[in-house]
């Protein structure tokens, strides 16, 4: 895990190595200054020697200046190294997620992936900064300060052999009890993000039902985060009282025993006792800082494991050894295809699908909710791999193609239309980044989007808000159809993509497609019989199986499901007309 994470340091190795070096310089000054202070008191102040006071004072000033410089440089390089590490980590995580198949994303959930890209990366960044600076500084301060106290007075230094182990044990117990609670907190963050994402996506539903005050899921999950984090912080809060007890105990013992050594035995000077006080603070503060670093590492360990899970995840969909880069034509063939989202033959959503579709054919697909219409067409651009059988495009198994080359020849307009923040032109050019303004407008005209675009003040330069919330459902569908057309694909899949437009516009779109892309194999999934009745063939799906294939007239004569759907729609139209 550690090795995989550290590969993301990349070009920031220099700053990562400089930070401990600067920190060592700072530590050296921090350890030397109490000794200089002891000399200042013993040889300067007590003897009223102004030259000695100036000499030691100047030396103290230079040491403080050097400590300031190295501390500042260490802080700067630590900040650059940790921020750069986090930047690379986020970039590599995002790239890895982009390579995931739908099934990979389903395994993690989008809300969990967002948490890993944000909160978890921040935790690891903070831990990395503390490791390269504080976890270098604190042990060095502890070791050198202890060494200096034994050098000054071995008898007095025995105090630390009692106090330090007690403090170490106390800090160890704090870490042990706090760690499981921090783990719970970060698991709950996933759920919190999921609730926020769901609520924001469905904000129109929440407001239309006036359910703002009743949307309690967020409060419940947020309270869990609060409860667990509060419990963890209560335990961590024992750090400060523990430090204070240790400091006061050391100070009292040093004062009592040190006074005896100075007055009765003469084995200790006043300056040396003052330096012992300084070293005491350094020793105990270094232990405190180490404990805080370990707490941060404890938090970051959970985050690091979650990040490593994503970095280690391999996409279910990979190119073969010598993938094909050209799709000959738009013919599609399903050979005994079975498919399960869980890759389990006992839980199939598509079963024994056999179909042969010629290039340029227009195919309608109809079926009840849950009949796996979308699942069928998602196998064509290899958004998922079949569980059994083969899907062929252009005479070759889709698994033999380079993924990018295959998907570049398949235009998809999904059920859930997504537009991105940016201008209308920028959104349409997702289909073809090199499309000219004429090509963009022509595609929009075929999709019947040009008329409403022209009504916007800025026409094609109109900004689309996040998720396309400033356009209607029908407008969004027409824009996504235009985007797919700009790809000039060999296969076009329209997955219930005209459900939000009126029948007249629907007909105009279909007529435009028939005229402009006659050689493109087109799949039209629709609940409206009127949208598919003029297609070359219609596939009727029922519970993941093919129930019938034929023209509109053939299915009306032979297929019960198709007859029922047609009859219910005709009846509905008749009642509406009355």
Protein backbone atom coordinates (compact mmCIF):
# COMPACT_ATOMS: atom_id res chain seq x y z
CA UNK A 1 0.00 0.00 0.00
CA UNK A 2 2.72 2.46 1.04
CA UNK A 3 4.78 1.75 -2.08
CA UNK A 4 1.80 2.33 -4.35
CA UNK A 5 0.99 5.64 -2.65
CA UNK A 6 4.58 6.93 -2.67
CA UNK A 7 4.85 6.48 -6.44
CA UNK A 8 2.53 9.50 -6.62
CA UNK A 9 5.16 11.80 -5.07
CA UNK A 10 6.63 12.05 -8.58
CA UNK A 11 8.36 15.35 -9.34
CA UNK A 12 8.10 16.47 -5.70
CA UNK A 13 10.79 14.08 -4.42
CA UNK A 14 13.28 16.95 -4.16
CA UNK A 15 11.08 18.94 -1.75
CA UNK A 16 10.25 15.73 0.13
CA UNK A 17 13.98 15.13 0.76
CA UNK A 18 14.78 18.79 1.49
CA UNK A 19 12.16 19.02 4.25
CA UNK A 20 13.86 16.55 6.66
CA UNK A 21 17.23 18.23 6.02
CA UNK A 22 15.87 21.68 6.88
CA UNK A 23 14.10 20.15 9.89
CA UNK A 24 17.39 18.65 11.14
CA UNK A 25 18.97 22.11 10.99
CA UNK A 26 16.08 23.53 13.01
CA UNK A 27 16.32 20.70 15.58
CA UNK A 28 20.07 21.24 15.98
CA UNK A 29 19.50 24.87 16.91
CA UNK A 30 16.63 24.01 19.26
CA UNK A 31 18.88 21.58 21.14
CA UNK A 32 21.91 23.87 21.29
CA UNK A 33 20.09 27.01 22.48
CA UNK A 34 19.27 25.78 26.04
CA UNK A 35 23.01 25.04 26.52
CA UNK A 36 23.90 28.52 25.33
CA UNK A 37 21.25 29.90 27.68
CA UNK A 38 22.85 27.98 30.57
CA UNK A 39 26.22 29.52 29.71
CA UNK A 40 24.64 32.97 29.52
CA UNK A 41 23.21 32.60 33.04
CA UNK A 42 26.20 30.89 34.68
CA UNK A 43 29.06 32.85 33.08
CA UNK A 44 27.39 36.10 32.20
CA UNK A 45 24.43 37.05 34.38
CA UNK A 46 25.63 35.51 37.68
CA UNK A 47 29.11 37.02 37.24
CA UNK A 48 27.75 40.33 35.87
CA UNK A 49 30.09 40.01 32.87
CA UNK A 50 28.59 42.20 30.15
CA UNK A 51 31.03 41.01 27.45
CA UNK A 52 30.08 37.40 28.13
CA UNK A 53 26.39 38.33 28.13
CA UNK A 54 26.80 40.04 24.72
CA UNK A 55 28.79 37.11 23.33
CA UNK A 56 26.27 34.49 24.45
CA UNK A 57 23.35 36.77 23.51
CA UNK A 58 24.74 37.25 19.99
CA UNK A 59 25.23 33.51 19.66
CA UNK A 60 21.63 32.93 20.80
CA UNK A 61 20.41 35.47 18.24
CA UNK A 62 22.31 33.76 15.40
CA UNK A 63 21.00 30.35 16.45
CA UNK A 64 17.45 31.68 16.62
CA UNK A 65 17.87 33.29 13.19
CA UNK A 66 19.20 30.05 11.70
CA UNK A 67 16.35 28.08 13.34
CA UNK A 68 13.85 30.57 11.90
CA UNK A 69 15.34 30.26 8.41
CA UNK A 70 15.50 26.46 8.39
CA UNK A 71 12.04 26.20 9.98
CA UNK A 72 10.56 28.51 7.35
CA UNK A 73 12.24 26.67 4.48
CA UNK A 74 11.19 23.32 5.97
CA UNK A 75 7.58 24.47 6.26
CA UNK A 76 7.62 25.76 2.67
CA UNK A 77 9.09 22.59 1.15
CA UNK A 78 6.77 20.40 3.26
CA UNK A 79 3.74 22.34 1.99
CA UNK A 80 4.89 22.07 -1.65
CA UNK A 81 5.72 18.37 -1.34
CA UNK A 82 2.42 17.43 0.35
CA UNK A 83 0.27 19.58 -1.96
CA UNK A 84 2.08 18.17 -5.01
CA UNK A 85 1.68 14.63 -3.71
CA UNK A 86 -2.07 15.24 -3.24
CA UNK A 87 -2.34 16.78 -6.72
CA UNK A 88 -0.72 13.73 -8.33
CA UNK A 89 -2.80 11.39 -6.20
CA UNK A 90 -6.06 13.07 -7.25
CA UNK A 91 -4.99 13.08 -10.89
CA UNK A 92 -4.07 9.37 -10.86
CA UNK A 93 -7.25 8.47 -8.99
CA UNK A 94 -9.36 10.39 -11.51
CA UNK A 95 -7.56 8.74 -14.43
CA UNK A 96 -8.09 5.32 -12.88
CA UNK A 97 -11.79 6.01 -12.32
CA UNK A 98 -12.13 7.18 -15.93
CA UNK A 99 -10.83 3.79 -17.07
CA UNK A 100 -13.39 1.89 -14.96
CA UNK A 101 -16.25 -0.01 -16.50
CA UNK A 102 -19.79 0.55 -15.27
CA UNK A 103 -19.49 -2.56 -13.11
CA UNK A 104 -16.30 -1.21 -11.46
CA UNK A 105 -18.10 2.03 -10.62
CA UNK A 106 -21.14 0.11 -9.35
CA UNK A 107 -18.83 -1.79 -6.98
CA UNK A 108 -17.58 1.38 -5.29
CA UNK A 109 -20.59 3.71 -5.80
CA UNK A 110 -20.08 7.26 -7.10
CA UNK A 111 -20.50 8.89 -3.68
CA UNK A 112 -17.71 6.72 -2.25
CA UNK A 113 -15.41 7.58 -5.16
CA UNK A 114 -16.05 11.30 -4.57
CA UNK A 115 -15.15 10.90 -0.87
CA UNK A 116 -11.92 9.13 -1.82
CA UNK A 117 -11.00 11.88 -4.28
CA UNK A 118 -11.63 14.65 -1.74
CA UNK A 119 -11.70 13.87 2.00
CA UNK A 120 -9.43 10.82 1.83
CA UNK A 121 -6.81 12.54 -0.32
CA UNK A 122 -6.79 15.52 2.06
CA UNK A 123 -6.23 13.20 5.03
CA UNK A 124 -3.31 11.48 3.28
CA UNK A 125 -1.88 14.87 2.26
CA UNK A 126 -1.93 16.11 5.88
CA UNK A 127 -0.37 12.89 7.11
CA UNK A 128 2.39 13.07 4.49
CA UNK A 129 3.26 16.63 5.48
CA UNK A 130 3.42 15.62 9.15
CA UNK A 131 5.57 12.57 8.39
CA UNK A 132 8.26 14.40 6.40
CA UNK A 133 8.45 17.22 8.93
CA UNK A 134 7.03 16.56 12.40
CA UNK A 135 7.80 12.85 12.47
CA UNK A 136 11.41 13.76 11.69
CA UNK A 137 11.57 16.70 14.09
CA UNK A 138 9.91 15.15 17.16
CA UNK A 139 12.00 11.94 17.48
CA UNK A 140 15.21 13.93 16.91
CA UNK A 141 14.22 16.49 19.54
CA UNK A 142 13.32 13.67 21.95
CA UNK A 143 16.60 11.77 21.45
CA UNK A 144 18.94 14.78 21.48
CA UNK A 145 17.17 16.50 24.37
CA UNK A 146 17.35 13.33 26.48
CA UNK A 147 21.02 12.98 25.58
CA UNK A 148 21.66 16.58 26.63
CA UNK A 149 19.88 16.15 29.98
CA UNK A 150 22.02 13.07 30.77
CA UNK A 151 25.08 15.07 29.74
CA UNK A 152 24.12 17.89 32.15
CA UNK A 153 23.20 15.69 35.14
CA UNK A 154 22.67 11.94 35.02
CA UNK A 155 20.98 11.77 38.45
CA UNK A 156 18.39 14.44 37.64
CA UNK A 157 17.68 12.89 34.22
CA UNK A 158 16.37 9.73 35.87
CA UNK A 159 13.07 11.64 36.26
CA UNK A 160 12.46 11.21 32.52
CA UNK A 161 12.88 7.44 32.76
CA UNK A 162 9.73 7.44 34.90
CA UNK A 163 7.66 10.21 33.27
CA UNK A 164 8.31 9.42 29.59
CA UNK A 165 7.17 5.74 29.70
CA UNK A 166 3.98 6.78 31.55
CA UNK A 167 3.26 9.36 28.86
CA UNK A 168 4.04 6.90 26.04
CA UNK A 169 1.66 4.32 27.52
CA UNK A 170 -1.07 6.96 27.93
CA UNK A 171 -0.68 8.16 24.34
CA UNK A 172 -0.71 4.57 23.10
CA UNK A 173 -4.04 3.91 24.83
CA UNK A 174 -5.51 7.11 23.36
CA UNK A 175 -4.52 6.01 19.84
CA UNK A 176 -5.82 2.49 20.37
CA UNK A 177 -9.30 3.57 21.47
CA UNK A 178 -9.66 6.46 19.03
CA UNK A 179 -8.68 4.60 15.85
CA UNK A 180 -11.83 2.44 15.43
CA UNK A 181 -14.00 5.54 15.84
CA UNK A 182 -12.13 7.42 13.13
CA UNK A 183 -12.61 4.42 10.83
CA UNK A 184 -16.36 4.58 11.44
CA UNK A 185 -16.39 8.31 10.67
CA UNK A 186 -14.87 7.91 7.23
CA UNK A 187 -17.12 5.01 6.33
CA UNK A 188 -20.09 7.20 7.26
CA UNK A 189 -18.76 10.05 5.05
CA UNK A 190 -19.55 7.88 2.00
CA UNK A 191 -23.16 7.62 3.07
CA UNK A 192 -23.30 11.36 3.83
CA UNK A 193 -22.05 12.23 0.33
CA UNK A 194 -24.52 9.79 -1.19
CA UNK A 195 -27.45 11.43 0.62
CA UNK A 196 -26.32 14.94 -0.39
CA UNK A 197 -25.83 13.87 -4.02
CA UNK A 198 -29.24 12.18 -4.11
CA UNK A 199 -30.98 15.15 -2.49
CA UNK A 200 -29.40 17.72 -4.80
CA UNK A 201 -30.23 15.65 -7.87
CA UNK A 202 -33.82 15.33 -6.74
CA UNK A 203 -34.17 18.87 -5.39
CA UNK A 204 -37.09 19.62 -7.72
CA UNK A 205 -38.99 16.62 -6.37
CA UNK A 206 -38.19 17.62 -2.78
CA UNK A 207 -39.47 21.14 -3.36
CA UNK A 208 -42.51 20.15 -5.40
CA UNK A 209 -43.64 17.89 -2.54
CA UNK A 210 -42.61 20.50 0.07
CA UNK A 211 -40.50 17.89 1.82
CA UNK A 212 -37.52 20.05 2.81
CA UNK A 213 -38.26 19.71 6.52
CA UNK A 214 -39.02 16.00 6.21
CA UNK A 215 -35.85 14.99 4.40
CA UNK A 216 -34.35 13.45 7.53
CA UNK A 217 -31.77 11.10 6.01
CA UNK A 218 -29.11 13.81 5.90
CA UNK A 219 -29.66 14.74 9.54
CA UNK A 220 -29.50 11.10 10.61
CA UNK A 221 -26.24 10.40 8.75
CA UNK A 222 -24.74 13.75 9.79
CA UNK A 223 -25.57 12.94 13.42
CA UNK A 224 -23.71 9.61 13.09
CA UNK A 225 -20.64 11.48 11.83
CA UNK A 226 -21.02 13.96 14.71
CA UNK A 227 -21.44 11.24 17.35
CA UNK A 228 -18.48 9.14 16.22
CA UNK A 229 -16.20 12.13 15.64
CA UNK A 230 -17.13 13.60 19.04
CA UNK A 231 -16.36 10.31 20.79
CA UNK A 232 -13.01 10.10 18.99
CA UNK A 233 -12.12 13.70 19.82
CA UNK A 234 -13.08 13.21 23.47
CA UNK A 235 -10.52 10.43 23.66
CA UNK A 236 -7.89 12.43 21.76
CA UNK A 237 -8.57 15.40 24.06
CA UNK A 238 -6.84 13.47 26.90
CA UNK A 239 -3.57 14.36 25.13
CA UNK A 240 -3.43 17.83 26.65
CA UNK A 241 -4.24 16.92 30.29
CA UNK A 242 -1.73 14.06 30.04
CA UNK A 243 0.93 16.48 28.78
CA UNK A 244 0.13 19.02 31.50
CA UNK A 245 0.37 16.40 34.26
CA UNK A 246 3.70 15.20 32.85
CA UNK A 247 5.06 18.75 32.52
CA UNK A 248 4.02 19.84 36.00
CA UNK A 249 5.33 16.62 37.54
CA UNK A 250 8.67 17.09 35.81
CA UNK A 251 8.88 20.74 36.79
CA UNK A 252 8.11 20.01 40.47
CA UNK A 253 10.60 17.15 40.65
CA UNK A 254 13.27 19.15 38.81
CA UNK A 255 12.73 22.14 41.10
CA UNK A 256 12.88 20.02 44.26
CA UNK A 257 15.79 17.78 43.35
CA UNK A 258 17.60 20.52 41.38
CA UNK A 259 17.50 22.89 44.35
CA UNK A 260 19.14 20.20 46.53
CA UNK A 261 21.85 19.61 43.94
CA UNK A 262 22.55 23.35 43.65
CA UNK A 263 22.40 24.32 47.34
CA UNK A 264 23.53 21.19 49.21
CA UNK A 265 25.89 19.43 46.83
CA UNK A 266 26.92 22.06 44.29
CA UNK A 267 26.63 19.47 41.49
CA UNK A 268 24.34 21.69 39.39
CA UNK A 269 24.38 25.32 38.34
CA UNK A 270 21.39 27.64 38.00
CA UNK A 271 21.89 27.85 34.24
CA UNK A 272 21.97 24.07 33.93
CA UNK A 273 18.72 23.80 35.90
CA UNK A 274 17.09 26.36 33.57
CA UNK A 275 18.30 24.36 30.54
CA UNK A 276 16.81 21.21 32.13
CA UNK A 277 13.45 23.00 32.28
CA UNK A 278 13.79 23.88 28.58
CA UNK A 279 14.72 20.33 27.65
CA UNK A 280 11.78 19.05 29.68
CA UNK A 281 9.39 21.12 27.58
CA UNK A 282 11.09 19.97 24.39
CA UNK A 283 10.94 16.28 25.40
CA UNK A 284 7.31 16.34 26.42
CA UNK A 285 6.18 18.55 23.51
CA UNK A 286 7.97 16.23 21.08
CA UNK A 287 6.03 13.33 22.58
CA UNK A 288 2.81 15.32 22.23
CA UNK A 289 3.56 16.18 18.60
CA UNK A 290 4.43 12.55 17.89
CA UNK A 291 1.12 11.46 19.38
CA UNK A 292 -0.78 14.00 17.27
CA UNK A 293 1.09 12.74 14.20
CA UNK A 294 0.15 9.18 15.04
CA UNK A 295 -3.49 10.23 15.41
CA UNK A 296 -3.32 11.84 11.96
CA UNK A 297 -1.60 8.73 10.59
CA UNK A 298 -4.32 6.64 12.17
CA UNK A 299 -6.97 8.70 10.37
CA UNK A 300 -4.94 8.65 7.16
CA UNK A 301 -4.39 4.88 7.28
CA UNK A 302 -8.07 4.25 6.68
CA UNK A 303 -8.09 6.86 3.92
CA UNK A 304 -4.92 5.40 2.39
CA UNK A 305 -6.47 1.92 2.30
CA UNK A 306 -9.56 3.30 0.55
CA UNK A 307 -7.42 5.20 -1.98
CA UNK A 308 -5.26 2.13 -2.63
CA UNK A 309 -8.40 0.09 -3.30
CA UNK A 310 -9.22 2.41 -6.20
CA UNK A 311 -5.64 2.55 -7.51
CA UNK A 312 -5.40 -1.25 -7.37
CA UNK A 313 -8.78 -1.86 -9.02
CA UNK A 314 -8.41 -3.20 -12.53
CA UNK A 315 -11.06 -2.41 -15.11
CA UNK A 316 -13.24 -5.35 -16.09
CA UNK A 317 -12.93 -4.21 -19.70
CA UNK A 318 -9.51 -4.38 -21.33
CA UNK A 319 -8.13 -4.40 -24.84
CA UNK A 320 -6.74 -7.64 -26.19
CA UNK A 321 -3.10 -8.14 -27.22
CA UNK A 322 -3.64 -6.90 -30.79
CA UNK A 323 -6.96 -5.01 -30.80
CA UNK A 324 -8.71 -4.05 -34.03
CA UNK A 325 -8.80 -0.32 -34.67
CA UNK A 326 -11.23 -0.20 -37.60
CA UNK A 327 -14.95 -1.04 -37.48
CA UNK A 328 -15.86 -2.25 -41.01
CA UNK A 329 -19.59 -1.53 -40.84
CA UNK A 330 -22.57 -1.20 -38.51
CA UNK A 331 -23.79 -4.80 -38.62
CA UNK A 332 -24.58 -6.27 -35.19
CA UNK A 333 -24.96 -9.89 -34.17
CA UNK A 334 -25.93 -11.41 -30.82
CA UNK A 335 -24.93 -15.08 -30.54
CA UNK A 336 -26.57 -16.92 -27.63
CA UNK A 337 -25.95 -13.92 -25.37
CA UNK A 338 -26.57 -14.16 -21.64
CA UNK A 339 -25.77 -11.30 -19.32
CA UNK A 340 -25.72 -10.74 -15.56
CA UNK A 341 -24.62 -7.58 -13.76
CA UNK A 342 -23.17 -9.79 -11.03
CA UNK A 343 -21.50 -12.14 -13.54
CA UNK A 344 -23.69 -14.91 -12.17
CA UNK A 345 -25.43 -17.32 -14.54
CA UNK A 346 -28.14 -17.83 -11.90
CA UNK A 347 -29.04 -14.12 -11.94
CA UNK A 348 -29.36 -13.31 -15.64
CA UNK A 349 -31.00 -10.14 -16.90
CA UNK A 350 -30.63 -11.23 -20.55
CA UNK A 351 -30.99 -14.84 -21.59
CA UNK A 352 -30.26 -16.67 -24.87
CA UNK A 353 -30.38 -13.62 -27.16
CA UNK A 354 -29.85 -14.48 -30.83
CA UNK A 355 -30.12 -11.62 -33.33
CA UNK A 356 -28.59 -10.68 -36.65
CA UNK A 357 -28.91 -7.04 -37.72
CA UNK A 358 -27.63 -5.83 -41.08
CA UNK A 359 -25.65 -2.62 -41.44
CA UNK A 360 -27.97 0.32 -42.02
CA UNK A 361 -31.05 -1.39 -40.55
CA UNK A 362 -33.34 0.58 -38.23
CA UNK A 363 -34.42 -1.54 -35.28
CA UNK A 364 -37.13 -0.71 -32.78
CA UNK A 365 -37.06 -2.23 -29.30
CA UNK A 366 -40.11 -2.37 -27.05
CA UNK A 367 -40.91 -4.10 -23.78
CA UNK A 368 -42.19 -3.57 -20.28
CA UNK A 369 -40.27 -1.92 -17.46
CA UNK A 370 -37.43 -4.19 -16.37
CA UNK A 371 -37.38 -6.19 -19.60
CA UNK A 372 -33.66 -5.29 -20.03
CA UNK A 373 -33.95 -3.12 -23.15
CA UNK A 374 -31.15 -0.81 -22.03
CA UNK A 375 -28.99 -3.74 -20.92
CA UNK A 376 -29.22 -5.21 -24.42
CA UNK A 377 -27.94 -2.13 -26.27
CA UNK A 378 -25.24 -1.36 -23.68
CA UNK A 379 -23.48 -4.56 -24.72
CA UNK A 380 -22.92 -3.17 -28.24
CA UNK A 381 -20.35 -0.47 -27.32
CA UNK A 382 -19.04 -2.84 -24.63
CA UNK A 383 -20.12 -0.80 -21.65
CA UNK A 384 -20.49 -4.23 -20.09
CA UNK A 385 -19.13 -7.59 -21.20
CA UNK A 386 -21.42 -10.52 -21.86
CA UNK A 387 -21.55 -13.27 -19.26
CA UNK A 388 -21.96 -15.91 -21.97
CA UNK A 389 -22.00 -15.84 -25.77
CA UNK A 390 -20.78 -13.18 -28.20
CA UNK A 391 -21.75 -9.73 -29.41
CA UNK A 392 -20.32 -8.96 -32.84
CA UNK A 393 -20.03 -5.59 -34.55
CA UNK A 394 -18.86 -5.45 -38.16
CA UNK A 395 -18.34 -9.21 -38.09
CA UNK A 396 -15.92 -9.18 -35.14
CA UNK A 397 -16.42 -9.88 -31.43
CA UNK A 398 -16.59 -6.52 -29.61
CA UNK A 399 -13.87 -7.82 -27.26
CA UNK A 400 -11.47 -7.93 -30.23
CA UNK A 401 -11.72 -4.18 -30.82
CA UNK A 402 -9.78 -1.36 -29.24
CA UNK A 403 -12.33 0.10 -26.80
CA UNK A 404 -11.84 3.66 -27.99
CA UNK A 405 -12.11 2.69 -31.65
CA UNK A 406 -15.31 0.69 -31.03
CA UNK A 407 -17.03 3.37 -28.94
CA UNK A 408 -16.01 6.05 -31.41
CA UNK A 409 -18.25 4.33 -33.97
CA UNK A 410 -21.23 3.98 -31.63
CA UNK A 411 -23.34 7.03 -30.83
CA UNK A 412 -25.43 6.63 -27.67
CA UNK A 413 -28.22 8.75 -26.29
CA UNK A 414 -28.95 7.24 -22.90
CA UNK A 415 -32.15 7.33 -20.86
CA UNK A 416 -30.65 9.72 -18.35
CA UNK A 417 -29.43 12.56 -20.54
CA UNK A 418 -26.42 14.41 -19.16
CA UNK A 419 -25.18 17.83 -20.21
CA UNK A 420 -22.08 19.43 -18.76
CA UNK A 421 -21.49 22.98 -17.61
CA UNK A 422 -20.33 25.04 -20.58
CA UNK A 423 -21.81 26.49 -23.76
CA UNK A 424 -24.21 24.62 -26.02
CA UNK A 425 -21.49 24.41 -28.67
CA UNK A 426 -19.01 22.94 -26.17
CA UNK A 427 -21.58 20.33 -25.13
CA UNK A 428 -22.35 19.35 -28.73
CA UNK A 429 -18.65 19.09 -29.57
CA UNK A 430 -18.35 16.25 -27.09
CA UNK A 431 -19.47 14.24 -30.11
CA UNK A 432 -16.68 15.67 -32.28
CA UNK A 433 -14.18 18.15 -30.88
CA UNK A 434 -13.18 19.22 -34.40
CA UNK A 435 -16.72 19.90 -35.63
CA UNK A 436 -17.15 23.23 -37.41
CA UNK A 437 -19.88 25.70 -36.47
CA UNK A 438 -21.79 24.63 -39.59
CA UNK A 439 -21.59 20.96 -38.62
CA UNK A 440 -22.73 21.76 -35.08
CA UNK A 441 -25.74 23.70 -36.33
CA UNK A 442 -26.59 21.06 -38.95
CA UNK A 443 -26.63 18.31 -36.28
CA UNK A 444 -28.83 20.52 -34.09
CA UNK A 445 -31.23 21.06 -37.00
CA UNK A 446 -31.60 17.29 -37.59
CA UNK A 447 -32.27 16.81 -33.86
CA UNK A 448 -34.85 19.66 -33.96
CA UNK A 449 -32.75 21.60 -31.44
CA UNK A 450 -31.86 24.59 -33.60
CA UNK A 451 -35.25 26.40 -33.26
CA UNK A 452 -35.13 26.66 -29.46
CA UNK A 453 -31.37 27.40 -29.46
CA UNK A 454 -32.03 30.40 -31.69
CA UNK A 455 -34.49 31.72 -29.11
CA UNK A 456 -31.74 32.00 -26.47
CA UNK A 457 -30.09 35.45 -26.27
CA UNK A 458 -26.62 33.99 -26.94
CA UNK A 459 -27.76 31.21 -29.30
CA UNK A 460 -25.08 28.48 -29.42
CA UNK A 461 -22.93 30.38 -26.91
CA UNK A 462 -25.63 30.05 -24.24
CA UNK A 463 -24.20 28.58 -21.03
CA UNK A 464 -25.61 25.28 -19.84
CA UNK A 465 -25.68 25.03 -16.05
CA UNK A 466 -24.46 21.98 -14.15
CA UNK A 467 -26.51 18.94 -15.18
CA UNK A 468 -28.38 20.97 -17.82
CA UNK A 469 -30.85 22.32 -15.26
CA UNK A 470 -31.56 25.48 -17.24
CA UNK A 471 -33.06 23.59 -20.20
CA UNK A 472 -36.21 21.44 -20.28
CA UNK A 473 -36.22 17.65 -20.51
CA UNK A 474 -37.21 17.73 -24.18
CA UNK A 475 -34.54 20.31 -25.01
CA UNK A 476 -31.94 18.25 -23.19
CA UNK A 477 -32.92 15.15 -25.19
CA UNK A 478 -32.63 16.99 -28.51
CA UNK A 479 -29.22 18.38 -27.58
CA UNK A 480 -27.90 14.94 -26.67
CA UNK A 481 -29.21 13.51 -29.96
CA UNK A 482 -27.37 16.29 -31.84
CA UNK A 483 -24.23 15.50 -29.83
CA UNK A 484 -24.42 11.83 -30.85
CA UNK A 485 -25.00 12.74 -34.51
CA UNK A 486 -21.79 14.79 -34.61
CA UNK A 487 -19.86 11.56 -34.11
CA UNK A 488 -21.16 10.37 -37.50
CA UNK A 489 -21.32 6.87 -36.04
CA UNK A 490 -21.81 3.58 -37.82
CA UNK A 491 -24.26 2.59 -35.05
CA UNK A 492 -26.69 4.97 -33.33
CA UNK A 493 -28.54 3.95 -30.15
CA UNK A 494 -31.49 6.04 -28.97
CA UNK A 495 -32.50 4.72 -25.55
CA UNK A 496 -35.96 6.19 -24.94
CA UNK A 497 -34.38 9.48 -25.97
CA UNK A 498 -37.52 11.22 -27.30
CA UNK A 499 -39.84 10.45 -24.39
CA UNK A 500 -39.93 14.12 -23.35
CA UNK A 501 -40.73 15.56 -26.81
CA UNK A 502 -44.11 15.73 -28.49
CA UNK A 503 -45.09 13.25 -31.21
CA UNK A 504 -44.70 15.84 -33.99
CA UNK A 505 -41.11 16.64 -32.98
CA UNK A 506 -40.44 12.94 -32.49
CA UNK A 507 -41.56 12.26 -36.05
CA UNK A 508 -39.46 15.14 -37.42
CA UNK A 509 -36.36 13.77 -35.64
CA UNK A 510 -36.91 10.27 -37.08
CA UNK A 511 -37.43 11.67 -40.58
CA UNK A 512 -34.24 13.71 -40.24
CA UNK A 513 -32.27 10.67 -39.11
CA UNK A 514 -33.61 8.55 -42.00
CA UNK A 515 -32.59 11.22 -44.49
CA UNK A 516 -29.18 12.18 -43.07
CA UNK A 517 -27.75 8.83 -41.90
CA UNK A 518 -29.36 6.15 -44.09
CA UNK A 519 -26.31 3.87 -43.81
CA UNK A 520 -26.16 4.00 -40.00
CA UNK A 521 -27.54 1.07 -38.05
CA UNK A 522 -30.04 2.61 -35.65
CA UNK A 523 -31.58 1.16 -32.49
CA UNK A 524 -34.62 3.00 -31.13
CA UNK A 525 -35.85 2.01 -27.68
CA UNK A 526 -39.25 3.51 -26.97
CA UNK A 527 -42.45 3.01 -25.03
CA UNK A 528 -44.33 4.69 -27.87
CA UNK A 529 -45.40 2.38 -30.67
CA UNK A 530 -45.63 5.46 -32.93
CA UNK A 531 -41.87 6.02 -32.49
CA UNK A 532 -40.89 2.56 -33.75
CA UNK A 533 -43.70 1.37 -36.03
CA UNK A 534 -41.91 2.54 -39.19
CA UNK A 535 -38.63 0.79 -38.34
CA UNK A 536 -37.37 -2.12 -40.46
CA UNK A 537 -37.91 -4.57 -37.60
CA UNK A 538 -39.14 -4.43 -34.02
CA UNK A 539 -37.80 -6.55 -31.16
CA UNK A 540 -40.19 -7.33 -28.31
CA UNK A 541 -38.39 -8.09 -25.03
CA UNK A 542 -40.02 -9.73 -22.03
CA UNK A 543 -38.14 -10.49 -18.81
CA UNK A 544 -34.77 -10.45 -20.59
CA UNK A 545 -35.84 -12.77 -23.40
CA UNK A 546 -36.86 -12.12 -27.00
CA UNK A 547 -40.61 -12.56 -27.20
CA UNK A 548 -40.97 -11.58 -30.83
CA UNK A 549 -39.23 -10.03 -33.85
CA UNK A 550 -40.90 -8.58 -36.93
CA UNK A 551 -42.40 -5.55 -38.60
CA UNK A 552 -45.20 -3.53 -37.03
CA UNK A 553 -47.83 -5.37 -39.08
CA UNK A 554 -46.35 -8.82 -38.39
CA UNK A 555 -46.23 -8.27 -34.64
CA UNK A 556 -49.76 -6.86 -34.58
CA UNK A 557 -50.89 -10.11 -36.15
CA UNK A 558 -48.80 -12.56 -34.12
CA UNK A 559 -47.43 -11.12 -30.86
CA UNK A 560 -49.68 -10.83 -27.80
CA UNK A 561 -47.44 -8.43 -25.85
CA UNK A 562 -47.13 -6.06 -28.80
CA UNK A 563 -50.87 -6.22 -29.39
CA UNK A 564 -51.55 -5.28 -25.77
CA UNK A 565 -49.13 -2.35 -25.82
CA UNK A 566 -50.53 -1.06 -29.11
CA UNK A 567 -54.11 -1.51 -27.97
CA UNK A 568 -53.54 0.31 -24.65
CA UNK A 569 -51.89 3.25 -26.42
CA UNK A 570 -54.58 3.47 -29.08
CA UNK A 571 -57.26 3.32 -26.41
CA UNK A 572 -55.50 6.06 -24.46
CA UNK A 573 -55.32 8.29 -27.52
CA UNK A 574 -58.97 7.61 -28.30
CA UNK A 575 -60.10 8.58 -24.81
CA UNK A 576 -57.96 11.69 -24.95
CA UNK A 577 -59.44 12.70 -28.28
CA UNK A 578 -62.96 12.35 -26.91
